[in-house]
Protein backbone atom coordinates (compact mmCIF):
# COMPACT_ATOMS: atom_id res chain seq x y z
CA MET A 1 118.15 136.37 104.29
CA SER A 2 117.66 133.41 101.94
CA GLU A 3 115.91 133.79 98.63
CA GLU A 4 114.56 131.62 95.83
CA ILE A 5 112.75 132.48 92.59
CA ILE A 6 109.94 130.23 91.33
CA ARG A 7 108.83 130.55 87.69
CA MET A 8 105.06 130.64 87.34
CA GLY A 9 104.84 131.07 83.59
CA SER A 10 101.64 133.07 83.36
CA SER A 11 99.71 135.59 85.43
CA GLU A 12 96.75 133.16 85.46
CA THR A 13 98.89 130.50 87.17
CA THR A 14 100.15 133.02 89.71
CA ALA A 15 96.61 134.16 90.46
CA ALA A 16 95.46 130.56 91.00
CA VAL A 17 98.42 129.78 93.27
CA PHE A 18 98.05 132.95 95.34
CA GLY A 19 94.29 132.44 95.68
CA THR A 20 91.45 134.91 96.13
CA CYS A 21 92.76 138.04 97.88
CA ASP A 22 96.13 136.23 98.19
CA ALA A 23 94.64 133.82 100.76
CA HIS A 24 96.82 130.86 99.67
CA ALA A 25 99.95 133.01 99.66
CA ARG A 26 99.27 134.14 103.23
CA THR A 27 98.77 130.53 104.32
CA ILE A 28 102.16 129.56 102.87
CA GLU A 29 103.86 132.59 104.42
CA ALA A 30 102.46 131.78 107.86
CA ALA A 31 103.34 128.07 107.59
CA PHE A 32 107.03 128.64 106.77
CA ASP A 33 107.64 132.17 108.10
CA VAL A 34 108.58 133.46 104.64
CA GLU A 35 107.52 136.31 102.40
CA LEU A 36 106.15 135.85 98.87
CA ARG A 37 106.33 138.55 96.21
CA ASN A 38 105.02 138.39 92.67
CA ARG A 39 107.50 139.53 90.00
CA SER A 40 106.93 140.18 86.32
CA GLU A 41 109.89 139.14 84.17
CA SER A 42 110.58 138.94 80.46
CA THR A 43 110.07 135.16 80.62
CA GLY A 44 106.74 135.46 82.45
CA ASP A 45 105.51 135.70 86.01
CA ALA A 46 107.69 134.56 88.91
CA VAL A 47 107.42 134.47 92.70
CA GLN A 48 110.24 135.55 94.99
CA VAL A 49 110.45 133.61 98.27
CA THR A 50 112.51 135.18 101.06
CA GLY A 51 113.04 134.17 104.67
CA ARG A 52 115.56 133.85 107.46
CA SER A 53 115.74 130.05 107.27
CA PRO A 54 117.15 128.51 104.06
CA GLU A 55 115.24 125.30 104.82
CA ALA A 56 111.95 127.15 105.23
CA VAL A 57 112.52 128.96 101.93
CA ARG A 58 113.25 125.64 100.21
CA LEU A 59 110.09 124.00 101.57
CA ALA A 60 107.90 126.98 100.67
CA ALA A 61 109.40 126.96 97.17
CA GLU A 62 108.59 123.26 96.80
CA VAL A 63 104.95 123.93 97.74
CA LEU A 64 104.79 126.73 95.17
CA LYS A 65 106.29 124.55 92.44
CA ARG A 66 103.71 121.82 93.00
CA LEU A 67 100.85 124.28 93.12
CA ALA A 68 102.08 125.92 89.91
CA GLU A 69 102.18 122.52 88.19
CA GLU A 70 98.63 121.71 89.27
CA ALA A 71 97.33 125.16 88.32
CA GLY A 72 99.02 124.83 84.93
CA ASP A 73 97.18 121.53 84.42
CA GLY A 74 93.88 123.25 85.07
CA GLU A 75 93.36 121.85 88.57
CA ASP A 76 91.37 123.86 91.10
CA ILE A 77 93.61 125.11 93.92
CA SER A 78 91.56 124.99 97.11
CA GLU A 79 92.38 125.99 100.66
CA GLN A 80 92.35 122.32 101.62
CA ARG A 81 94.74 121.44 98.79
CA VAL A 82 97.24 124.10 99.89
CA ALA A 83 97.09 122.86 103.49
CA TYR A 84 97.57 119.25 102.36
CA LEU A 85 100.68 120.05 100.33
CA ILE A 86 102.13 122.15 103.15
CA GLY A 87 101.61 119.31 105.63
CA MET A 88 103.10 116.64 103.38
CA ILE A 89 106.15 118.69 102.40
CA ARG A 90 106.79 120.00 105.91
CA ASP A 91 106.70 116.40 107.22
CA GLY A 92 109.29 115.29 104.68
CA GLN A 93 106.82 113.37 102.52
CA GLY A 94 107.21 115.45 99.40
CA GLU A 95 108.53 112.48 97.41
CA ALA A 96 105.39 110.51 98.22
CA LEU A 97 103.44 113.12 96.25
CA THR A 98 105.10 111.82 93.09
CA GLU A 99 102.90 108.73 93.50
CA LEU A 100 99.96 110.89 92.52
CA ASP A 101 99.54 110.73 88.78
CA ASP A 102 97.23 112.57 86.43
CA SER A 103 95.18 109.50 85.51
CA THR A 104 91.44 110.11 85.53
CA LEU A 105 89.27 107.43 87.11
CA CYS A 106 86.17 108.57 85.24
CA LEU A 107 84.30 111.68 84.18
CA THR A 108 81.26 112.98 86.02
CA SER A 109 78.02 113.72 84.19
CA ARG A 110 79.26 117.32 83.78
CA GLY A 111 82.57 116.21 82.29
CA LYS A 112 84.64 116.87 85.41
CA PRO A 113 87.51 114.39 85.87
CA VAL A 114 87.54 112.31 89.05
CA LYS A 115 91.07 111.74 90.39
CA ALA A 116 92.76 110.65 93.59
CA LYS A 117 93.68 113.88 95.38
CA THR A 118 95.86 112.54 98.19
CA VAL A 119 98.49 109.83 98.52
CA GLY A 120 96.10 107.88 100.73
CA GLN A 121 93.37 108.06 98.09
CA LYS A 122 95.83 106.89 95.41
CA LYS A 123 96.79 103.84 97.50
CA TYR A 124 93.10 103.09 98.05
CA VAL A 125 92.35 103.24 94.33
CA ASP A 126 95.37 101.03 93.59
CA ALA A 127 94.15 98.52 96.19
CA ILE A 128 90.74 98.37 94.47
CA ARG A 129 92.43 97.77 91.11
CA GLN A 130 94.64 94.98 92.46
CA ASN A 131 92.33 93.08 94.83
CA THR A 132 88.94 91.41 94.75
CA VAL A 133 87.86 92.63 98.21
CA VAL A 134 88.95 95.97 99.69
CA PHE A 135 88.12 97.50 103.05
CA GLY A 136 88.34 101.30 103.12
CA VAL A 137 88.37 102.42 106.74
CA GLY A 138 88.66 106.02 107.88
CA PRO A 139 86.97 109.27 108.87
CA ALA A 140 84.22 111.07 107.00
CA GLY A 141 85.25 113.21 104.05
CA THR A 142 88.15 111.06 102.85
CA GLY A 143 86.37 110.01 99.63
CA LYS A 144 85.90 106.35 100.58
CA THR A 145 82.45 105.99 99.05
CA PHE A 146 82.86 108.52 96.23
CA LEU A 147 86.05 106.89 94.89
CA ALA A 148 84.54 103.41 95.22
CA VAL A 149 81.54 104.53 93.15
CA ALA A 150 83.91 106.12 90.61
CA MET A 151 85.80 102.83 90.27
CA ALA A 152 82.51 100.95 89.92
CA VAL A 153 81.32 103.29 87.16
CA LYS A 154 84.67 102.97 85.42
CA ALA A 155 84.45 99.15 85.54
CA LEU A 156 80.88 99.24 84.19
CA ARG A 157 81.78 101.58 81.32
CA ALA A 158 84.77 99.36 80.44
CA LYS A 159 82.44 96.32 80.48
CA GLU A 160 84.56 94.68 83.19
CA VAL A 161 81.31 94.01 85.11
CA SER A 162 77.68 93.94 84.00
CA ARG A 163 76.14 95.68 87.01
CA ILE A 164 76.76 97.79 90.09
CA VAL A 165 75.25 96.88 93.45
CA LEU A 166 75.36 99.43 96.27
CA THR A 167 74.13 98.64 99.74
CA ARG A 168 74.31 99.80 103.33
CA PRO A 169 72.65 98.94 106.64
CA ALA A 170 69.18 100.51 106.66
CA ILE A 171 68.90 100.98 110.41
CA GLU A 172 71.01 103.69 112.01
CA ALA A 173 70.88 106.13 114.91
CA GLY A 174 68.39 103.97 116.79
CA GLU A 175 65.61 104.32 114.20
CA LYS A 176 63.45 101.38 113.14
CA LEU A 177 61.95 101.22 109.67
CA GLY A 178 58.53 100.27 110.99
CA PHE A 179 58.20 103.58 112.80
CA LEU A 180 59.04 105.68 109.74
CA PRO A 181 56.24 107.00 107.49
CA GLY A 182 55.61 105.82 103.92
CA ASP A 183 56.08 102.63 101.92
CA LEU A 184 59.23 100.52 102.04
CA GLN A 185 61.04 102.47 99.30
CA SER A 186 60.38 105.85 100.94
CA LYS A 187 61.53 104.41 104.26
CA ILE A 188 64.89 103.18 103.01
CA ASP A 189 65.63 106.05 100.59
CA PRO A 190 67.02 108.44 103.26
CA TYR A 191 69.57 105.82 104.33
CA LEU A 192 70.68 105.26 100.75
CA ARG A 193 70.79 108.96 99.79
CA PRO A 194 74.62 109.28 99.91
CA LEU A 195 74.88 106.44 97.39
CA TYR A 196 72.27 108.06 95.13
CA ASP A 197 74.14 111.37 95.32
CA ALA A 198 77.43 109.76 94.25
CA LEU A 199 75.75 107.98 91.32
CA TYR A 200 73.94 111.14 90.21
CA GLU A 201 77.28 112.97 90.22
CA MET A 202 78.91 110.29 88.05
CA MET A 203 76.07 109.50 85.65
CA GLY A 204 73.43 112.19 85.79
CA ALA A 205 69.92 111.57 87.13
CA GLU A 206 68.40 110.60 83.77
CA ASN A 207 71.07 108.05 82.83
CA TYR A 208 71.03 106.67 86.37
CA ALA A 209 67.25 106.14 86.21
CA LYS A 210 67.57 104.25 82.90
CA LEU A 211 70.23 101.93 84.31
CA VAL A 212 68.17 101.27 87.43
CA GLU A 213 65.19 100.38 85.24
CA LYS A 214 67.37 97.93 83.32
CA GLN A 215 68.64 96.53 86.66
CA VAL A 216 72.19 97.43 85.69
CA ILE A 217 72.39 99.48 88.90
CA GLU A 218 70.84 98.30 92.14
CA VAL A 219 70.74 100.30 95.36
CA ALA A 220 69.24 98.37 98.25
CA PRO A 221 69.49 97.87 102.01
CA LEU A 222 71.85 95.18 103.25
CA ALA A 223 69.02 92.86 104.32
CA TYR A 224 68.13 92.41 100.62
CA MET A 225 71.50 90.71 99.98
CA ARG A 226 70.65 87.59 101.98
CA GLY A 227 70.37 84.40 99.93
CA ARG A 228 71.83 85.92 96.75
CA THR A 229 74.99 85.23 94.76
CA LEU A 230 76.30 88.29 92.95
CA ASP A 231 78.21 87.35 89.80
CA ASP A 232 79.84 89.79 87.36
CA SER A 233 79.16 92.68 89.75
CA PHE A 234 80.93 95.59 91.41
CA ILE A 235 79.49 95.63 94.94
CA ILE A 236 79.90 98.46 97.45
CA LEU A 237 78.90 98.15 101.11
CA ASP A 238 78.79 101.62 102.66
CA GLU A 239 78.61 102.53 106.39
CA ALA A 240 79.85 99.02 107.17
CA GLN A 241 80.69 99.98 110.75
CA ASN A 242 76.95 99.57 111.44
CA THR A 243 76.87 95.91 110.43
CA THR A 244 76.98 93.09 112.95
CA PRO A 245 79.60 90.34 112.49
CA GLU A 246 76.83 88.06 111.21
CA GLN A 247 75.68 90.61 108.63
CA MET A 248 79.25 91.21 107.45
CA LYS A 249 79.85 87.49 106.99
CA MET A 250 76.56 87.21 105.09
CA PHE A 251 77.57 90.06 102.79
CA LEU A 252 81.08 88.78 102.08
CA THR A 253 79.77 85.33 101.17
CA ARG A 254 77.48 86.84 98.50
CA LEU A 255 80.53 87.42 96.27
CA GLY A 256 80.28 85.53 92.99
CA PHE A 257 82.49 84.96 89.94
CA ASN A 258 84.10 87.97 88.22
CA SER A 259 82.93 90.27 91.00
CA LYS A 260 84.64 92.86 93.17
CA ALA A 261 83.58 94.16 96.58
CA VAL A 262 84.52 97.40 98.34
CA ILE A 263 83.52 97.81 101.99
CA THR A 264 83.72 101.29 103.50
CA GLY A 265 83.18 102.59 107.00
CA ASP A 266 84.29 104.73 109.91
CA LEU A 267 84.83 102.80 113.13
CA THR A 268 84.49 105.99 115.19
CA GLN A 269 80.88 106.51 114.06
CA THR A 270 79.07 103.27 114.90
CA ASP A 271 75.34 103.42 115.62
CA LEU A 272 75.14 99.90 117.01
CA PRO A 273 73.75 99.27 120.51
CA ASP A 274 76.26 99.46 123.35
CA GLY A 275 78.21 96.24 123.65
CA GLN A 276 77.50 95.14 120.07
CA LYS A 277 80.66 94.43 118.07
CA SER A 278 81.00 96.06 114.67
CA GLY A 279 81.13 93.62 111.78
CA LEU A 280 83.64 95.89 110.06
CA ALA A 281 86.05 95.83 113.01
CA VAL A 282 85.78 92.04 113.29
CA ALA A 283 86.23 91.47 109.54
CA VAL A 284 89.31 93.70 109.35
CA LYS A 285 90.95 91.68 112.14
CA ILE A 286 89.98 88.28 110.74
CA LEU A 287 90.76 88.93 107.08
CA ALA A 288 93.92 91.04 107.33
CA GLY A 289 96.65 89.18 105.46
CA VAL A 290 94.30 87.00 103.39
CA PRO A 291 95.45 87.01 99.73
CA ASP A 292 93.36 89.15 97.35
CA ILE A 293 91.88 91.09 100.29
CA ALA A 294 93.26 94.54 101.15
CA VAL A 295 92.62 96.82 104.11
CA HIS A 296 93.30 100.50 103.51
CA THR A 297 93.18 102.94 106.41
CA PHE A 298 92.62 106.64 105.74
CA THR A 299 93.79 109.39 108.07
CA GLY A 300 92.64 112.93 108.78
CA ARG A 301 95.15 114.12 106.20
CA ASP A 302 93.07 112.46 103.46
CA VAL A 303 89.98 114.54 104.27
CA VAL A 304 89.01 116.53 101.18
CA ARG A 305 86.25 118.59 102.75
CA HIS A 306 86.61 121.93 104.51
CA GLN A 307 89.95 122.27 106.31
CA LEU A 308 88.10 122.62 109.62
CA VAL A 309 86.86 119.03 109.24
CA GLN A 310 90.47 117.83 109.54
CA LYS A 311 90.86 119.77 112.78
CA ILE A 312 87.60 118.36 114.16
CA ILE A 313 88.68 114.80 113.34
CA ALA A 314 92.10 115.37 114.91
CA ALA A 315 90.49 116.75 118.08
CA TYR A 316 88.19 113.74 118.39
CA GLU A 317 91.06 111.32 117.76
CA LYS A 318 93.08 113.00 120.51
CA TYR A 319 90.12 112.78 122.88
CA GLU A 320 89.50 109.10 122.12
CA ASN A 321 93.20 108.25 122.53
CA GLU A 322 93.40 110.02 125.88
CA ARG A 323 90.23 108.30 127.06
CA ALA A 324 91.63 104.91 125.99
CA LYS A 325 94.88 105.59 127.87
CA GLY A 326 92.89 106.60 130.96
CA ALA A 327 90.86 103.39 130.82
CA LEU A 328 94.05 101.34 130.45
CA LYS A 329 95.62 103.01 133.50
CA ARG A 330 92.50 102.37 135.58
CA GLY A 331 92.51 98.74 134.49
CA ASN A 332 96.13 98.27 135.57
CA ARG A 333 95.52 99.52 139.11
């Protein structure tokens, strides 16, 4: 049997790493076929890792070390976080985790720090810092919109821009605004709710309302962008997979001086009519390789919601890939 001892330092760190009712510990044991035991020593708490495979013991120990570091820094250790670290380390990408730093993008209205939680999120944030236009493409739950809003708030607080403009297509799932009840604002509000939620989280409802009144923050449907030039602005286009190529071109040509644009979307969740090309898909193809424009693609591993969401996304990706292969075979007959 192989064995390794990991120093935890304090009982609080051990408790955070092991999780409620030792749930995290059981996840690690099952992933690497090892056994974890808490030990109290004169120098503080420690965890003994034992298993038949020396390599499995080493990998489990690496997961524990990283979790102990994060717990010691006051980070919340979630089920999803444990699964993410296990996956990265088991796939030999442990060194890539060193790219994640402790830098805080901004603080929420409740003082909670907003940070990149995965390597994919870190690369996305870096792309936003380094480029004028960034496309963030990937499944739901990867933080595309939330991190873009965090970067926009950070830029506004640092006086790098004078306003934030958030927009998205207002017609989805086959609904037409004319058939919805209420005035124009009440009609478009449900479509813009995810953007409101992100801003409320960052700024608080009261501060957000003041900035909207001063026109420092603008949240509007994409159709309102036509004919405008947006200078000194941080612009976010959300749900861009539901734009047409013409709408996407219109949006991209609104960019003015000292402005930055982030376009987010999930190409697997388009609500466009059958046969209609997505403006996001077309733009990514046309603009890939253009200087000062970056395309970042998220994967299921970057999902920061419930662990089951990752499994759902993986199942759908498998289904879509198999269907595409089947269509290709039929076309070659």
